[in-house]
C-alpha atoms as a PDB file:
ATOM      1  CA  MET A   1      40.527 -27.048  10.145  1.00  0.00           C
ATOM      2  CA  SER A   2      39.541 -28.416  13.877  1.00  0.00           C
ATOM      3  CA  ILE A   3      36.056 -28.995  15.086  1.00  0.00           C
ATOM      4  CA  GLU A   4      35.410 -28.308  18.349  1.00  0.00           C
ATOM      5  CA  GLN A   5      34.114 -31.289  20.194  1.00  0.00           C
ATOM      6  CA  LYS A   6      31.990 -30.826  23.289  1.00  0.00           C
ATOM      7  CA  PRO A   7      30.111 -33.107  26.023  1.00  0.00           C
ATOM      8  CA  LEU A   8      26.832 -34.545  25.397  1.00  0.00           C
ATOM      9  CA  ASP A   9      25.566 -32.299  28.748  1.00  0.00           C
ATOM     10  CA  LYS A  10      26.759 -29.139  26.694  1.00  0.00           C
ATOM     11  CA  LEU A  11      24.719 -30.209  23.392  1.00  0.00           C
ATOM     12  CA  PHE A  12      21.402 -31.096  24.711  1.00  0.00           C
ATOM     13  CA  ASP A  13      19.203 -30.222  27.576  1.00  0.00           C
ATOM     14  CA  LEU A  14      19.919 -32.778  30.400  1.00  0.00           C
ATOM     15  CA  SER A  15      17.042 -31.775  32.138  1.00  0.00           C
ATOM     16  CA  ALA A  16      14.323 -32.666  29.614  1.00  0.00           C
ATOM     17  CA  VAL A  17      15.219 -36.417  29.454  1.00  0.00           C
ATOM     18  CA  LYS A  18      12.878 -38.947  30.506  1.00  0.00           C
ATOM     19  CA  LEU A  19      13.796 -42.798  30.569  1.00  0.00           C
ATOM     20  CA  VAL A  20      10.869 -45.079  29.385  1.00  0.00           C
ATOM     21  CA  PHE A  21      10.715 -48.655  29.851  1.00  0.00           C
ATOM     22  CA  TRP A  22       8.275 -50.570  27.259  1.00  0.00           C
ATOM     23  CA  ASP A  23       7.290 -54.009  26.549  1.00  0.00           C
ATOM     24  CA  LEU A  24       5.441 -55.040  23.398  1.00  0.00           C
ATOM     25  CA  GLU A  25       3.581 -58.459  23.586  1.00  0.00           C
ATOM     26  CA  THR A  26       3.138 -58.901  19.835  1.00  0.00           C
ATOM     27  CA  HIS A  27       0.801 -62.355  18.103  1.00  0.00           C
ATOM     28  CA  SER A  28       1.967 -63.494  14.395  1.00  0.00           C
ATOM     29  CA  CYS A  29       1.883 -67.303  12.413  1.00  0.00           C
ATOM     30  CA  LEU A  30       5.164 -67.094  12.215  1.00  0.00           C
ATOM     31  CA  ASN A  31       7.445 -68.446  15.107  1.00  0.00           C
ATOM     32  CA  VAL A  32       9.852 -65.950  15.770  1.00  0.00           C
ATOM     33  CA  THR A  33      12.520 -68.437  16.932  1.00  0.00           C
ATOM     34  CA  GLN A  34      12.513 -70.266  13.835  1.00  0.00           C
ATOM     35  CA  CYS A  35      12.276 -66.878  11.246  1.00  0.00           C
ATOM     36  CA  GLY A  36      14.321 -64.876  13.714  1.00  0.00           C
ATOM     37  CA  ALA A  37      13.092 -60.974  14.863  1.00  0.00           C
ATOM     38  CA  TYR A  38      13.487 -59.278  11.127  1.00  0.00           C
ATOM     39  CA  SER A  39      11.520 -61.684   9.233  1.00  0.00           C
ATOM     40  CA  TYR A  40       8.472 -61.680  12.155  1.00  0.00           C
ATOM     41  CA  ALA A  41       8.555 -57.837  12.420  1.00  0.00           C
ATOM     42  CA  LEU A  42       8.026 -57.812   8.480  1.00  0.00           C
ATOM     43  CA  ASP A  43       5.746 -60.532   8.135  1.00  0.00           C
ATOM     44  CA  PRO A  44       1.973 -58.756   7.522  1.00  0.00           C
ATOM     45  CA  SER A  45       0.565 -61.576  10.094  1.00  0.00           C
ATOM     46  CA  THR A  46       2.266 -59.563  13.272  1.00  0.00           C
ATOM     47  CA  ASP A  47       0.375 -57.925  15.698  1.00  0.00           C
ATOM     48  CA  VAL A  48       0.407 -55.641  18.735  1.00  0.00           C
ATOM     49  CA  HIS A  49      -1.098 -56.794  21.364  1.00  0.00           C
ATOM     50  CA  PHE A  50      -0.615 -54.118  23.922  1.00  0.00           C
ATOM     51  CA  MET A  51       2.298 -52.174  25.231  1.00  0.00           C
ATOM     52  CA  SER A  52       2.859 -51.562  28.460  1.00  0.00           C
ATOM     53  CA  PHE A  53       5.308 -48.576  29.596  1.00  0.00           C
ATOM     54  CA  ALA A  54       6.635 -46.334  32.477  1.00  0.00           C
ATOM     55  CA  VAL A  55       7.859 -42.463  32.305  1.00  0.00           C
ATOM     56  CA  ASP A  56      10.547 -41.746  35.033  1.00  0.00           C
ATOM     57  CA  GLY A  57       9.244 -43.952  37.812  1.00  0.00           C
ATOM     58  CA  ASP A  58       5.396 -43.234  36.567  1.00  0.00           C
ATOM     59  CA  GLU A  59       2.984 -45.523  37.338  1.00  0.00           C
ATOM     60  CA  VAL A  60       3.115 -48.251  34.344  1.00  0.00           C
ATOM     61  CA  GLN A  61       0.632 -47.487  31.731  1.00  0.00           C
ATOM     62  CA  THR A  62      -0.551 -50.044  29.053  1.00  0.00           C
ATOM     63  CA  TRP A  63      -1.707 -49.195  25.628  1.00  0.00           C
ATOM     64  CA  ARG A  64      -3.802 -51.147  23.502  1.00  0.00           C
ATOM     65  CA  PRO A  65      -4.051 -50.805  19.596  1.00  0.00           C
ATOM     66  CA  GLY A  66      -7.103 -47.827  18.910  1.00  0.00           C
ATOM     67  CA  ASP A  67      -6.335 -46.303  22.032  1.00  0.00           C
ATOM     68  CA  PRO A  68      -5.195 -42.897  21.723  1.00  0.00           C
ATOM     69  CA  VAL A  69      -1.026 -41.464  22.479  1.00  0.00           C
ATOM     70  CA  ALA A  70      -0.105 -41.121  25.395  1.00  0.00           C
ATOM     71  CA  ALA A  71       0.897 -37.203  26.441  1.00  0.00           C
ATOM     72  CA  SER A  72       4.886 -37.243  25.996  1.00  0.00           C
END
């Protein structure tokens, strides 16, 4: 039995693909360089200050905890 392989552009609508640039600013009681990213992320004291993002080269937007989720 043979499985037909198709290139990705045949499986997905590439016109719907968006390029997203993002950066999270966080704070914690832990030092990420001492404990590692996994432990830092799991620690209950770790929280997000804000996230900056841009979609497909649009203007950079900022999201803060409590803000509504941006429309796609």
